Amino acid sequence: MLALLAEAAASPENGKWLAHDKNEIIWGTLAFFVVVALLMWKAAPAIRKAMTGRTERIQAELDAATLQRTEAEGERDRIKAALADSDAEASRIVADAHETAAKLKENIAERTVSEIALLRERASADIDATRRQSLADLTGDVSRLSLGAAEQLVEHNLGDDAQQSLIESYIARVGVSN
């Protein structure tokens, strides 16, 4: 390293920005342009192709992302519409349920009133039938008791011929009343 420093100190400087040797500048510049020309000739088409491919790939990804975004927004709008429809449907169902409940309440009230009236009619008819039956039973019992008492009285006071005529007239009266 000391040798290089000594050599650099011994050689004259050519300037602040230029190398020490002018041939080196010429040959270096010529080599630079040859390398640049080779790169332009061989590497430029490959670089352009790579850059075009990258641009196309990025554009395809952007197009796919745009398409996905559009689809997602459409799905979002469809879901919002479905939610709005479901709210309206729920309101309609609740209104229908209230209406049905009111109709059912009216029907039950009407049916209850008609059943009460029917039960009152049946009860009234049963009471009348029971009253008639009780009256008939009472009349029959009184008739039997009266007949028994009359028989005993007639047996002690009447003869067989008079008793026979009374029985026949009684039978005739009972037959006419039925």
C-alpha atoms as a PDB file:
ATOM      1  CA  MET A   1       0.000   0.000   0.000  1.00  0.00           C
ATOM      2  CA  LEU A   2       2.896   2.323   0.746  1.00  0.00           C
ATOM      3  CA  ALA A   3       4.210   1.621  -2.722  1.00  0.00           C
ATOM      4  CA  LEU A   4       0.977   2.851  -4.302  1.00  0.00           C
ATOM      5  CA  LEU A   5       0.987   5.998  -2.240  1.00  0.00           C
ATOM      6  CA  ALA A   6       4.588   6.661  -3.186  1.00  0.00           C
ATOM      7  CA  GLU A   7       3.831   6.126  -6.871  1.00  0.00           C
ATOM      8  CA  ALA A   8       0.769   8.378  -6.711  1.00  0.00           C
ATOM      9  CA  ALA A   9       2.805  11.095  -5.078  1.00  0.00           C
ATOM     10  CA  ALA A  10       5.563  10.794  -7.728  1.00  0.00           C
ATOM     11  CA  SER A  11       3.272  10.951 -10.785  1.00  0.00           C
ATOM     12  CA  PRO A  12       2.075  14.293 -11.964  1.00  0.00           C
ATOM     13  CA  GLU A  13      -1.620  15.078 -11.564  1.00  0.00           C
ATOM     14  CA  ASN A  14      -3.684  15.587 -14.644  1.00  0.00           C
ATOM     15  CA  GLY A  15      -6.475  17.425 -12.976  1.00  0.00           C
ATOM     16  CA  LYS A  16      -9.020  17.019 -10.326  1.00  0.00           C
ATOM     17  CA  TRP A  17     -11.572  15.029 -12.393  1.00  0.00           C
ATOM     18  CA  LEU A  18      -9.489  13.359 -15.071  1.00  0.00           C
ATOM     19  CA  ALA A  19      -7.301  10.284 -14.741  1.00  0.00           C
ATOM     20  CA  HIS A  20      -3.524  10.555 -14.938  1.00  0.00           C
ATOM     21  CA  ASP A  21      -3.264   8.940 -18.343  1.00  0.00           C
ATOM     22  CA  LYS A  22      -5.049  10.306 -21.473  1.00  0.00           C
ATOM     23  CA  ASN A  23      -4.935   6.933 -23.238  1.00  0.00           C
ATOM     24  CA  GLU A  24      -6.797   5.466 -20.342  1.00  0.00           C
ATOM     25  CA  ILE A  25      -9.509   8.072 -20.806  1.00  0.00           C
ATOM     26  CA  ILE A  26      -9.839   7.322 -24.523  1.00  0.00           C
ATOM     27  CA  TRP A  27      -9.831   3.558 -24.170  1.00  0.00           C
ATOM     28  CA  GLY A  28     -12.158   3.708 -21.147  1.00  0.00           C
ATOM     29  CA  THR A  29     -14.611   5.920 -23.006  1.00  0.00           C
ATOM     30  CA  LEU A  30     -14.467   3.658 -26.082  1.00  0.00           C
ATOM     31  CA  ALA A  31     -15.032   0.554 -23.917  1.00  0.00           C
ATOM     32  CA  PHE A  32     -17.917   2.285 -22.187  1.00  0.00           C
ATOM     33  CA  PHE A  33     -19.680   3.045 -25.478  1.00  0.00           C
ATOM     34  CA  VAL A  34     -19.079  -0.511 -26.759  1.00  0.00           C
ATOM     35  CA  VAL A  35     -20.611  -1.965 -23.605  1.00  0.00           C
ATOM     36  CA  VAL A  36     -23.548   0.463 -23.835  1.00  0.00           C
ATOM     37  CA  ALA A  37     -24.063  -0.444 -27.536  1.00  0.00           C
ATOM     38  CA  LEU A  38     -23.986  -4.194 -26.716  1.00  0.00           C
ATOM     39  CA  LEU A  39     -26.450  -3.670 -23.874  1.00  0.00           C
ATOM     40  CA  MET A  40     -28.735  -1.649 -26.161  1.00  0.00           C
ATOM     41  CA  TRP A  41     -28.489  -4.285 -28.872  1.00  0.00           C
ATOM     42  CA  LYS A  42     -28.873  -7.440 -26.749  1.00  0.00           C
ATOM     43  CA  ALA A  43     -30.339  -6.407 -23.378  1.00  0.00           C
ATOM     44  CA  ALA A  44     -32.708  -3.572 -24.404  1.00  0.00           C
ATOM     45  CA  PRO A  45     -35.251  -5.854 -26.145  1.00  0.00           C
ATOM     46  CA  ALA A  46     -35.236  -8.218 -23.151  1.00  0.00           C
ATOM     47  CA  ILE A  47     -35.586  -5.287 -20.740  1.00  0.00           C
ATOM     48  CA  ARG A  48     -38.389  -3.792 -22.839  1.00  0.00           C
ATOM     49  CA  LYS A  49     -40.111  -7.192 -22.993  1.00  0.00           C
ATOM     50  CA  ALA A  50     -39.779  -7.644 -19.215  1.00  0.00           C
ATOM     51  CA  MET A  51     -41.073  -4.145 -18.566  1.00  0.00           C
ATOM     52  CA  THR A  52     -43.986  -4.636 -21.002  1.00  0.00           C
ATOM     53  CA  GLY A  53     -44.802  -7.989 -19.386  1.00  0.00           C
ATOM     54  CA  ARG A  54     -44.660  -6.394 -15.927  1.00  0.00           C
ATOM     55  CA  THR A  55     -46.911  -3.547 -17.099  1.00  0.00           C
ATOM     56  CA  GLU A  56     -49.377  -6.008 -18.623  1.00  0.00           C
ATOM     57  CA  ARG A  57     -49.342  -8.167 -15.456  1.00  0.00           C
ATOM     58  CA  ILE A  58     -49.950  -5.115 -13.265  1.00  0.00           C
ATOM     59  CA  GLN A  59     -52.750  -3.956 -15.594  1.00  0.00           C
ATOM     60  CA  ALA A  60     -54.332  -7.429 -15.491  1.00  0.00           C
ATOM     61  CA  GLU A  61     -54.175  -7.395 -11.679  1.00  0.00           C
ATOM     62  CA  LEU A  62     -55.730  -3.915 -11.646  1.00  0.00           C
ATOM     63  CA  ASP A  63     -58.497  -5.064 -14.016  1.00  0.00           C
ATOM     64  CA  ALA A  64     -59.157  -8.150 -11.866  1.00  0.00           C
ATOM     65  CA  ALA A  65     -59.234  -6.002  -8.717  1.00  0.00           C
ATOM     66  CA  THR A  66     -61.640  -3.568 -10.402  1.00  0.00           C
ATOM     67  CA  LEU A  67     -63.864  -6.462 -11.465  1.00  0.00           C
ATOM     68  CA  GLN A  68     -63.803  -7.926  -7.942  1.00  0.00           C
ATOM     69  CA  ARG A  69     -64.614  -4.523  -6.490  1.00  0.00           C
ATOM     70  CA  THR A  70     -67.526  -4.100  -8.893  1.00  0.00           C
ATOM     71  CA  GLU A  71     -68.819  -7.579  -8.023  1.00  0.00           C
ATOM     72  CA  ALA A  72     -68.421  -6.866  -4.305  1.00  0.00           C
ATOM     73  CA  GLU A  73     -70.301  -3.572  -4.632  1.00  0.00           C
ATOM     74  CA  GLY A  74     -73.069  -5.355  -6.562  1.00  0.00           C
ATOM     75  CA  GLU A  75     -73.251  -7.997  -3.829  1.00  0.00           C
ATOM     76  CA  ARG A  76     -73.327  -5.236  -1.197  1.00  0.00           C
ATOM     77  CA  ASP A  77     -76.197  -3.514  -3.006  1.00  0.00           C
ATOM     78  CA  ARG A  78     -78.069  -6.821  -3.343  1.00  0.00           C
ATOM     79  CA  ILE A  79     -77.645  -7.516   0.375  1.00  0.00           C
ATOM     80  CA  LYS A  80     -78.805  -3.991   1.268  1.00  0.00           C
ATOM     81  CA  ALA A  81     -81.875  -4.452  -0.937  1.00  0.00           C
ATOM     82  CA  ALA A  82     -82.547  -7.835   0.646  1.00  0.00           C
ATOM     83  CA  LEU A  83     -82.252  -6.295   4.108  1.00  0.00           C
ATOM     84  CA  ALA A  84     -84.643  -3.528   3.154  1.00  0.00           C
ATOM     85  CA  ASP A  85     -87.024  -6.122   1.694  1.00  0.00           C
ATOM     86  CA  SER A  86     -86.711  -8.249   4.824  1.00  0.00           C
ATOM     87  CA  ASP A  87     -87.588  -5.257   7.015  1.00  0.00           C
ATOM     88  CA  ALA A  88     -90.647  -4.561   4.864  1.00  0.00           C
ATOM     89  CA  GLU A  89     -91.557  -8.262   4.885  1.00  0.00           C
ATOM     90  CA  ALA A  90     -91.215  -8.409   8.670  1.00  0.00           C
ATOM     91  CA  SER A  91     -93.478  -5.353   9.022  1.00  0.00           C
ATOM     92  CA  ARG A  92     -96.021  -6.938   6.687  1.00  0.00           C
ATOM     93  CA  ILE A  93     -95.944 -10.218   8.603  1.00  0.00           C
ATOM     94  CA  VAL A  94     -96.450  -8.423  11.924  1.00  0.00           C
ATOM     95  CA  ALA A  95     -99.361  -6.436  10.463  1.00  0.00           C
ATOM     96  CA  ASP A  96    -100.913  -9.651   9.093  1.00  0.00           C
ATOM     97  CA  ALA A  97    -100.482 -11.305  12.490  1.00  0.00           C
ATOM     98  CA  HIS A  98    -102.236  -8.398  14.234  1.00  0.00           C
ATOM     99  CA  GLU A  99    -105.054  -8.494  11.689  1.00  0.00           C
ATOM    100  CA  THR A 100    -105.439 -12.252  12.026  1.00  0.00           C
ATOM    101  CA  ALA A 101    -105.455 -11.975  15.819  1.00  0.00           C
ATOM    102  CA  ALA A 102    -108.196  -9.322  15.668  1.00  0.00           C
ATOM    103  CA  LYS A 103    -110.307 -11.483  13.328  1.00  0.00           C
ATOM    104  CA  LEU A 104    -109.746 -14.532  15.515  1.00  0.00           C
ATOM    105  CA  LYS A 105    -110.795 -12.538  18.587  1.00  0.00           C
ATOM    106  CA  GLU A 106    -113.988 -11.425  16.813  1.00  0.00           C
ATOM    107  CA  ASN A 107    -114.739 -14.982  15.662  1.00  0.00           C
ATOM    108  CA  ILE A 108    -114.209 -16.378  19.145  1.00  0.00           C
ATOM    109  CA  ALA A 109    -116.443 -13.675  20.657  1.00  0.00           C
ATOM    110  CA  GLU A 110    -119.184 -14.356  18.091  1.00  0.00           C
ATOM    111  CA  ARG A 111    -118.910 -18.108  18.579  1.00  0.00           C
ATOM    112  CA  THR A 112    -119.021 -17.680  22.362  1.00  0.00           C
ATOM    113  CA  VAL A 113    -122.136 -15.500  22.152  1.00  0.00           C
ATOM    114  CA  SER A 114    -123.878 -18.007  19.861  1.00  0.00           C
ATOM    115  CA  GLU A 115    -122.885 -20.927  22.114  1.00  0.00           C
ATOM    116  CA  ILE A 116    -124.183 -19.065  25.176  1.00  0.00           C
ATOM    117  CA  ALA A 117    -127.500 -18.425  23.401  1.00  0.00           C
ATOM    118  CA  LEU A 118    -127.691 -22.075  22.377  1.00  0.00           C
ATOM    119  CA  LEU A 119    -126.931 -23.214  25.928  1.00  0.00           C
ATOM    120  CA  ARG A 120    -129.632 -20.877  27.292  1.00  0.00           C
ATOM    121  CA  GLU A 121    -132.145 -22.291  24.814  1.00  0.00           C
ATOM    122  CA  ARG A 122    -131.205 -25.846  25.779  1.00  0.00           C
ATOM    123  CA  ALA A 123    -131.370 -25.001  29.474  1.00  0.00           C
ATOM    124  CA  SER A 124    -134.778 -23.361  29.001  1.00  0.00           C
ATOM    125  CA  ALA A 125    -136.028 -26.394  27.050  1.00  0.00           C
ATOM    126  CA  ASP A 126    -134.618 -28.737  29.706  1.00  0.00           C
ATOM    127  CA  ILE A 127    -136.306 -26.707  32.461  1.00  0.00           C
ATOM    128  CA  ASP A 128    -139.633 -26.789  30.595  1.00  0.00           C
ATOM    129  CA  ALA A 129    -139.317 -30.519  29.968  1.00  0.00           C
ATOM    130  CA  THR A 130    -138.391 -31.149  33.599  1.00  0.00           C
ATOM    131  CA  ARG A 131    -141.329 -28.981  34.776  1.00  0.00           C
ATOM    132  CA  ARG A 132    -143.754 -30.880  32.525  1.00  0.00           C
ATOM    133  CA  GLN A 133    -142.304 -34.207  33.633  1.00  0.00           C
ATOM    134  CA  SER A 134    -142.485 -33.189  37.300  1.00  0.00           C
ATOM    135  CA  LEU A 135    -146.073 -31.979  36.841  1.00  0.00           C
ATOM    136  CA  ALA A 136    -147.006 -35.191  35.079  1.00  0.00           C
ATOM    137  CA  ASP A 137    -145.317 -37.266  37.805  1.00  0.00           C
ATOM    138  CA  LEU A 138    -147.042 -35.241  40.514  1.00  0.00           C
ATOM    139  CA  THR A 139    -150.380 -35.532  38.743  1.00  0.00           C
ATOM    140  CA  GLY A 140    -149.877 -39.274  38.378  1.00  0.00           C
ATOM    141  CA  ASP A 141    -148.942 -39.654  42.050  1.00  0.00           C
ATOM    142  CA  VAL A 142    -151.926 -37.554  43.163  1.00  0.00           C
ATOM    143  CA  SER A 143    -154.176 -39.564  40.856  1.00  0.00           C
ATOM    144  CA  ARG A 144    -152.898 -42.858  42.256  1.00  0.00           C
ATOM    145  CA  LEU A 145    -153.268 -41.662  45.821  1.00  0.00           C
ATOM    146  CA  SER A 146    -156.715 -40.273  45.089  1.00  0.00           C
ATOM    147  CA  LEU A 147    -157.694 -43.478  43.392  1.00  0.00           C
ATOM    148  CA  GLY A 148    -156.413 -45.546  46.288  1.00  0.00           C
ATOM    149  CA  ALA A 149    -158.277 -43.376  48.776  1.00  0.00           C
ATOM    150  CA  ALA A 150    -161.422 -43.436  46.623  1.00  0.00           C
ATOM    151  CA  GLU A 151    -161.205 -47.213  46.270  1.00  0.00           C
ATOM    152  CA  GLN A 152    -161.000 -47.674  49.984  1.00  0.00           C
ATOM    153  CA  LEU A 153    -163.863 -45.271  50.543  1.00  0.00           C
ATOM    154  CA  VAL A 154    -165.978 -46.870  47.832  1.00  0.00           C
ATOM    155  CA  GLU A 155    -165.301 -50.386  49.082  1.00  0.00           C
ATOM    156  CA  HIS A 156    -166.611 -49.480  52.496  1.00  0.00           C
ATOM    157  CA  ASN A 157    -169.618 -47.459  51.276  1.00  0.00           C
ATOM    158  CA  LEU A 158    -170.626 -48.818  47.831  1.00  0.00           C
ATOM    159  CA  GLY A 159    -171.751 -52.104  46.517  1.00  0.00           C
ATOM    160  CA  ASP A 160    -170.223 -54.100  43.702  1.00  0.00           C
ATOM    161  CA  ASP A 161    -172.545 -52.731  40.998  1.00  0.00           C
ATOM    162  CA  ALA A 162    -172.033 -49.078  41.953  1.00  0.00           C
ATOM    163  CA  GLN A 163    -168.314 -49.633  42.247  1.00  0.00           C
ATOM    164  CA  GLN A 164    -168.164 -51.195  38.790  1.00  0.00           C
ATOM    165  CA  SER A 165    -169.978 -48.253  37.185  1.00  0.00           C
ATOM    166  CA  LEU A 166    -167.651 -45.735  38.871  1.00  0.00           C
ATOM    167  CA  ILE A 167    -164.557 -47.562  37.567  1.00  0.00           C
ATOM    168  CA  GLU A 168    -165.901 -47.643  34.034  1.00  0.00           C
ATOM    169  CA  SER A 169    -166.748 -43.929  34.068  1.00  0.00           C
ATOM    170  CA  TYR A 170    -163.284 -43.140  35.403  1.00  0.00           C
ATOM    171  CA  ILE A 171    -161.635 -45.209  32.655  1.00  0.00           C
ATOM    172  CA  ALA A 172    -163.754 -43.425  30.097  1.00  0.00           C
ATOM    173  CA  ARG A 173    -162.723 -39.990  31.451  1.00  0.00           C
ATOM    174  CA  VAL A 174    -159.040 -40.914  31.483  1.00  0.00           C
ATOM    175  CA  GLY A 175    -159.260 -42.245  27.938  1.00  0.00           C
ATOM    176  CA  VAL A 176    -160.859 -39.004  26.726  1.00  0.00           C
ATOM    177  CA  SER A 177    -158.261 -36.764  28.414  1.00  0.00           C
ATOM    178  CA  ASN A 178    -155.276 -38.621  26.894  1.00  0.00           C
END
